[in-house]
């Protein structure tokens, strides 16, 4: 997570339930990383697909 600093990671851990697992933490870090990447791509002007476009693509894959 390129834009996340120690304080933000510490805050993330503090918000986790007391009985969280390493897998729970890894998943949250994975999601945050994906969100940061998507935000960066949007700022760079990368094209995103609409829900309808994705549905059409799935239809093509399934046929």
PDB file of N, CA and C in Angstrom:
ATOM      1  N   UNK A   1       0.858  -1.177   0.000  1.00  0.00           N
ATOM      2  CA  UNK A   1       0.000   0.000   0.000  1.00  0.00           C
ATOM      3  C   UNK A   1       0.894   1.226   0.000  1.00  0.00           C
ATOM      4  N   UNK A   2       1.059   1.755  -1.136  1.00  0.00           N
ATOM      5  CA  UNK A   2       2.040   2.808  -1.316  1.00  0.00           C
ATOM      6  C   UNK A   2       1.705   4.106  -0.583  1.00  0.00           C
ATOM      7  N   UNK A   3       0.436   4.411  -0.435  1.00  0.00           N
ATOM      8  CA  UNK A   3       0.063   5.687   0.168  1.00  0.00           C
ATOM      9  C   UNK A   3      -0.284   5.576   1.643  1.00  0.00           C
ATOM     10  N   UNK A   4      -0.157   4.418   2.222  1.00  0.00           N
ATOM     11  CA  UNK A   4      -0.542   4.218   3.606  1.00  0.00           C
ATOM     12  C   UNK A   4       0.688   4.285   4.492  1.00  0.00           C
ATOM     13  N   UNK A   5       0.580   5.091   5.537  1.00  0.00           N
ATOM     14  CA  UNK A   5       1.715   5.219   6.438  1.00  0.00           C
ATOM     15  C   UNK A   5       1.485   4.415   7.721  1.00  0.00           C
ATOM     16  N   UNK A   6       2.483   4.415   8.596  1.00  0.00           N
ATOM     17  CA  UNK A   6       2.408   3.625   9.827  1.00  0.00           C
ATOM     18  C   UNK A   6       1.211   4.005  10.689  1.00  0.00           C
ATOM     19  N   UNK A   7       0.932   5.290  10.777  1.00  0.00           N
ATOM     20  CA  UNK A   7      -0.187   5.723  11.617  1.00  0.00           C
ATOM     21  C   UNK A   7      -1.515   5.179  11.098  1.00  0.00           C
ATOM     22  N   UNK A   8      -1.672   5.170   9.781  1.00  0.00           N
ATOM     23  CA  UNK A   8      -2.906   4.636   9.198  1.00  0.00           C
ATOM     24  C   UNK A   8      -3.007   3.127   9.422  1.00  0.00           C
ATOM     25  N   UNK A   9      -1.880   2.434   9.325  1.00  0.00           N
ATOM     26  CA  UNK A   9      -1.886   0.996   9.587  1.00  0.00           C
ATOM     27  C   UNK A   9      -2.202   0.713  11.055  1.00  0.00           C
ATOM     28  N   UNK A  10      -1.628   1.512  11.925  1.00  0.00           N
ATOM     29  CA  UNK A  10      -1.910   1.350  13.353  1.00  0.00           C
ATOM     30  C   UNK A  10      -3.398   1.575  13.619  1.00  0.00           C
ATOM     31  N   UNK A  11      -3.974   2.601  13.005  1.00  0.00           N
ATOM     32  CA  UNK A  11      -5.404   2.884  13.175  1.00  0.00           C
ATOM     33  C   UNK A  11      -6.254   1.732  12.639  1.00  0.00           C
ATOM     34  N   UNK A  12      -5.842   1.151  11.522  1.00  0.00           N
ATOM     35  CA  UNK A  12      -6.559   0.006  10.964  1.00  0.00           C
ATOM     36  C   UNK A  12      -6.560  -1.153  11.953  1.00  0.00           C
ATOM     37  N   UNK A  13      -5.409  -1.440  12.519  1.00  0.00           N
ATOM     38  CA  UNK A  13      -5.312  -2.535  13.493  1.00  0.00           C
ATOM     39  C   UNK A  13      -6.157  -2.234  14.720  1.00  0.00           C
ATOM     40  N   UNK A  14      -6.162  -1.002  15.167  1.00  0.00           N
ATOM     41  CA  UNK A  14      -6.977  -0.621  16.329  1.00  0.00           C
ATOM     42  C   UNK A  14      -8.467  -0.813  16.065  1.00  0.00           C
ATOM     43  N   UNK A  15      -8.898  -0.648  14.804  1.00  0.00           N
ATOM     44  CA  UNK A  15     -10.313  -0.808  14.469  1.00  0.00           C
ATOM     45  C   UNK A  15     -10.718  -2.270  14.289  1.00  0.00           C
ATOM     46  N   UNK A  16      -9.735  -3.156  14.208  1.00  0.00           N
ATOM     47  CA  UNK A  16     -10.031  -4.573  14.042  1.00  0.00           C
ATOM     48  C   UNK A  16     -10.605  -5.125  15.351  1.00  0.00           C
ATOM     49  N   UNK A  17     -11.452  -6.154  15.251  1.00  0.00           N
ATOM     50  CA  UNK A  17     -11.967  -6.770  16.480  1.00  0.00           C
ATOM     51  C   UNK A  17     -10.822  -7.419  17.262  1.00  0.00           C
ATOM     52  N   UNK A  18     -11.024  -7.619  18.542  1.00  0.00           N
ATOM     53  CA  UNK A  18      -9.972  -8.180  19.386  1.00  0.00           C
ATOM     54  C   UNK A  18      -9.533  -9.573  18.946  1.00  0.00           C
ATOM     55  N   UNK A  19     -10.424 -10.309  18.332  1.00  0.00           N
ATOM     56  CA  UNK A  19     -10.096 -11.685  17.954  1.00  0.00           C
ATOM     57  C   UNK A  19      -9.765 -11.835  16.463  1.00  0.00           C
ATOM     58  N   UNK A  20      -9.286 -10.761  15.811  1.00  0.00           N
ATOM     59  CA  UNK A  20      -8.993 -10.848  14.387  1.00  0.00           C
ATOM     60  C   UNK A  20      -7.814 -11.786  14.139  1.00  0.00           C
ATOM     61  N   UNK A  21      -7.818 -12.357  12.947  1.00  0.00           N
ATOM     62  CA  UNK A  21      -6.723 -13.246  12.550  1.00  0.00           C
ATOM     63  C   UNK A  21      -5.809 -12.511  11.583  1.00  0.00           C
ATOM     64  N   UNK A  22      -4.668 -13.075  11.352  1.00  0.00           N
ATOM     65  CA  UNK A  22      -3.747 -12.508  10.370  1.00  0.00           C
ATOM     66  C   UNK A  22      -4.406 -12.499   8.994  1.00  0.00           C
ATOM     67  N   UNK A  23      -5.192 -13.527   8.719  1.00  0.00           N
ATOM     68  CA  UNK A  23      -5.910 -13.588   7.446  1.00  0.00           C
ATOM     69  C   UNK A  23      -6.907 -12.425   7.319  1.00  0.00           C
ATOM     70  N   UNK A  24      -7.596 -12.081   8.407  1.00  0.00           N
ATOM     71  CA  UNK A  24      -8.515 -10.939   8.398  1.00  0.00           C
ATOM     72  C   UNK A  24      -7.763  -9.656   8.051  1.00  0.00           C
ATOM     73  N   UNK A  25      -6.621  -9.466   8.670  1.00  0.00           N
ATOM     74  CA  UNK A  25      -5.817  -8.266   8.418  1.00  0.00           C
ATOM     75  C   UNK A  25      -5.302  -8.245   6.982  1.00  0.00           C
ATOM     76  N   UNK A  26      -4.839  -9.384   6.499  1.00  0.00           N
ATOM     77  CA  UNK A  26      -4.345  -9.462   5.128  1.00  0.00           C
ATOM     78  C   UNK A  26      -5.454  -9.111   4.136  1.00  0.00           C
ATOM     79  N   UNK A  27      -6.653  -9.592   4.396  1.00  0.00           N
ATOM     80  CA  UNK A  27      -7.769  -9.293   3.502  1.00  0.00           C
ATOM     81  C   UNK A  27      -8.049  -7.795   3.482  1.00  0.00           C
ATOM     82  N   UNK A  28      -8.094  -7.180   4.641  1.00  0.00           N
ATOM     83  CA  UNK A  28      -8.358  -5.730   4.679  1.00  0.00           C
ATOM     84  C   UNK A  28      -7.260  -4.950   3.971  1.00  0.00           C
ATOM     85  N   UNK A  29      -6.023  -5.362   4.150  1.00  0.00           N
ATOM     86  CA  UNK A  29      -4.922  -4.691   3.456  1.00  0.00           C
ATOM     87  C   UNK A  29      -5.030  -4.884   1.948  1.00  0.00           C
ATOM     88  N   UNK A  30      -5.434  -6.074   1.533  1.00  0.00           N
ATOM     89  CA  UNK A  30      -5.630  -6.358   0.111  1.00  0.00           C
ATOM     90  C   UNK A  30      -6.707  -5.440  -0.472  1.00  0.00           C
ATOM     91  N   UNK A  31      -7.826  -5.314   0.226  1.00  0.00           N
ATOM     92  CA  UNK A  31      -8.919  -4.461  -0.248  1.00  0.00           C
ATOM     93  C   UNK A  31      -8.465  -3.006  -0.310  1.00  0.00           C
ATOM     94  N   UNK A  32      -7.775  -2.546   0.713  1.00  0.00           N
ATOM     95  CA  UNK A  32      -7.287  -1.165   0.700  1.00  0.00           C
ATOM     96  C   UNK A  32      -6.329  -0.931  -0.463  1.00  0.00           C
ATOM     97  N   UNK A  33      -5.468  -1.901  -0.733  1.00  0.00           N
ATOM     98  CA  UNK A  33      -4.533  -1.777  -1.844  1.00  0.00           C
ATOM     99  C   UNK A  33      -5.280  -1.677  -3.172  1.00  0.00           C
ATOM    100  N   UNK A  34      -6.303  -2.501  -3.354  1.00  0.00           N
ATOM    101  CA  UNK A  34      -7.087  -2.469  -4.585  1.00  0.00           C
ATOM    102  C   UNK A  34      -7.826  -1.142  -4.729  1.00  0.00           C
ATOM    103  N   UNK A  35      -8.352  -0.624  -3.634  1.00  0.00           N
ATOM    104  CA  UNK A  35      -9.054   0.664  -3.686  1.00  0.00           C
ATOM    105  C   UNK A  35      -8.098   1.799  -4.031  1.00  0.00           C
ATOM    106  N   UNK A  36      -6.900   1.770  -3.441  1.00  0.00           N
ATOM    107  CA  UNK A  36      -5.907   2.798  -3.753  1.00  0.00           C
ATOM    108  C   UNK A  36      -5.518   2.744  -5.227  1.00  0.00           C
ATOM    109  N   UNK A  37      -5.341   1.540  -5.745  1.00  0.00           N
ATOM    110  CA  UNK A  37      -4.974   1.385  -7.148  1.00  0.00           C
ATOM    111  C   UNK A  37      -6.088   1.911  -8.058  1.00  0.00           C
ATOM    112  N   UNK A  38      -7.326   1.582  -7.730  1.00  0.00           N
ATOM    113  CA  UNK A  38      -8.459   2.049  -8.532  1.00  0.00           C
ATOM    114  C   UNK A  38      -8.567   3.571  -8.496  1.00  0.00           C
ATOM    115  N   UNK A  39      -8.368   4.145  -7.314  1.00  0.00           N
ATOM    116  CA  UNK A  39      -8.423   5.603  -7.191  1.00  0.00           C
ATOM    117  C   UNK A  39      -7.327   6.260  -8.040  1.00  0.00           C
ATOM    118  N   UNK A  40      -6.136   5.700  -8.004  1.00  0.00           N
ATOM    119  CA  UNK A  40      -5.032   6.219  -8.815  1.00  0.00           C
ATOM    120  C   UNK A  40      -5.363   6.133 -10.304  1.00  0.00           C
ATOM    121  N   UNK A  41      -5.896   4.989 -10.723  1.00  0.00           N
ATOM    122  CA  UNK A  41      -6.232   4.808 -12.132  1.00  0.00           C
ATOM    123  C   UNK A  41      -7.305   5.800 -12.576  1.00  0.00           C
ATOM    124  N   UNK A  42      -8.287   6.041 -11.732  1.00  0.00           N
ATOM    125  CA  UNK A  42      -9.323   7.019 -12.084  1.00  0.00           C
ATOM    126  C   UNK A  42      -8.727   8.414 -12.230  1.00  0.00           C
ATOM    127  N   UNK A  43      -7.821   8.765 -11.315  1.00  0.00           N
ATOM    128  CA  UNK A  43      -7.185  10.080 -11.393  1.00  0.00           C
ATOM    129  C   UNK A  43      -6.333  10.223 -12.647  1.00  0.00           C
ATOM    130  N   UNK A  44      -5.796   9.099 -13.136  1.00  0.00           N
ATOM    131  CA  UNK A  44      -4.977   9.121 -14.349  1.00  0.00           C
ATOM    132  C   UNK A  44      -5.833   9.104 -15.612  1.00  0.00           C
ATOM    133  N   UNK A  45      -7.154   8.993 -15.433  1.00  0.00           N
ATOM    134  CA  UNK A  45      -8.045   9.020 -16.584  1.00  0.00           C
ATOM    135  C   UNK A  45      -8.295   7.682 -17.234  1.00  0.00           C
ATOM    136  N   UNK A  46      -7.958   6.604 -16.538  1.00  0.00           N
ATOM    137  CA  UNK A  46      -8.201   5.276 -17.095  1.00  0.00           C
ATOM    138  C   UNK A  46      -9.701   5.050 -17.241  1.00  0.00           C
ATOM    139  N   UNK A  47     -10.070   4.407 -18.325  1.00  0.00           N
ATOM    140  CA  UNK A  47     -11.473   4.144 -18.586  1.00  0.00           C
ATOM    141  C   UNK A  47     -11.979   3.080 -17.617  1.00  0.00           C
ATOM    142  N   UNK A  48     -13.155   3.306 -17.113  1.00  0.00           N
ATOM    143  CA  UNK A  48     -13.808   2.307 -16.270  1.00  0.00           C
ATOM    144  C   UNK A  48     -15.032   1.793 -17.007  1.00  0.00           C
ATOM    145  N   UNK A  49     -15.471   0.627 -16.640  1.00  0.00           N
ATOM    146  CA  UNK A  49     -16.635   0.024 -17.275  1.00  0.00           C
ATOM    147  C   UNK A  49     -17.871   0.241 -16.426  1.00  0.00           C
ATOM    148  N   UNK A  50     -18.990   0.415 -17.102  1.00  0.00           N
ATOM    149  CA  UNK A  50     -20.252   0.531 -16.383  1.00  0.00           C
ATOM    150  C   UNK A  50     -20.738  -0.864 -16.022  1.00  0.00           C
ATOM    151  N   UNK A  51     -21.698  -0.925 -15.143  1.00  0.00           N
ATOM    152  CA  UNK A  51     -22.275  -2.200 -14.758  1.00  0.00           C
ATOM    153  C   UNK A  51     -22.886  -2.899 -15.969  1.00  0.00           C
ATOM    154  N   UNK A  52     -23.554  -2.151 -16.817  1.00  0.00           N
ATOM    155  CA  UNK A  52     -24.154  -2.738 -18.012  1.00  0.00           C
ATOM    156  C   UNK A  52     -23.082  -3.309 -18.952  1.00  0.00           C
ATOM    157  N   UNK A  53     -21.967  -2.606 -19.109  1.00  0.00           N
ATOM    158  CA  UNK A  53     -20.876  -3.117 -19.937  1.00  0.00           C
ATOM    159  C   UNK A  53     -20.320  -4.420 -19.366  1.00  0.00           C
ATOM    160  N   UNK A  54     -20.200  -4.479 -18.065  1.00  0.00           N
ATOM    161  CA  UNK A  54     -19.691  -5.697 -17.434  1.00  0.00           C
ATOM    162  C   UNK A  54     -20.679  -6.851 -17.600  1.00  0.00           C
ATOM    163  N   UNK A  55     -21.951  -6.574 -17.497  1.00  0.00           N
ATOM    164  CA  UNK A  55     -22.959  -7.625 -17.694  1.00  0.00           C
ATOM    165  C   UNK A  55     -22.888  -8.181 -19.116  1.00  0.00           C
ATOM    166  N   UNK A  56     -22.710  -7.310 -20.091  1.00  0.00           N
ATOM    167  CA  UNK A  56     -22.584  -7.761 -21.482  1.00  0.00           C
ATOM    168  C   UNK A  56     -21.331  -8.610 -21.668  1.00  0.00           C
ATOM    169  N   UNK A  57     -20.258  -8.216 -21.034  1.00  0.00           N
ATOM    170  CA  UNK A  57     -19.022  -8.978 -21.122  1.00  0.00           C
ATOM    171  C   UNK A  57     -19.197 -10.373 -20.516  1.00  0.00           C
ATOM    172  N   UNK A  58     -19.851 -10.461 -19.389  1.00  0.00           N
ATOM    173  CA  UNK A  58     -20.103 -11.755 -18.750  1.00  0.00           C
ATOM    174  C   UNK A  58     -20.971 -12.629 -19.647  1.00  0.00           C
ATOM    175  N   UNK A  59     -21.965 -12.035 -20.283  1.00  0.00           N
ATOM    176  CA  UNK A  59     -22.807 -12.802 -21.213  1.00  0.00           C
ATOM    177  C   UNK A  59     -21.969 -13.417 -22.323  1.00  0.00           C
ATOM    178  N   UNK A  60     -21.025 -12.631 -22.861  1.00  0.00           N
ATOM    179  CA  UNK A  60     -20.155 -13.139 -23.925  1.00  0.00           C
ATOM    180  C   UNK A  60     -19.283 -14.281 -23.424  1.00  0.00           C
ATOM    181  N   UNK A  61     -18.791 -14.165 -22.193  1.00  0.00           N
ATOM    182  CA  UNK A  61     -17.950 -15.215 -21.635  1.00  0.00           C
ATOM    183  C   UNK A  61     -18.720 -16.512 -21.442  1.00  0.00           C
ATOM    184  N   UNK A  62     -19.991 -16.386 -21.063  1.00  0.00           N
ATOM    185  CA  UNK A  62     -20.782 -17.565 -20.752  1.00  0.00           C
ATOM    186  C   UNK A  62     -21.325 -18.265 -21.993  1.00  0.00           C
ATOM    187  N   UNK A  63     -21.302 -17.604 -23.126  1.00  0.00           N
ATOM    188  CA  UNK A  63     -21.818 -18.205 -24.373  1.00  0.00           C
ATOM    189  C   UNK A  63     -20.725 -18.887 -25.153  1.00  0.00           C
TER     190      UNK A  63
END
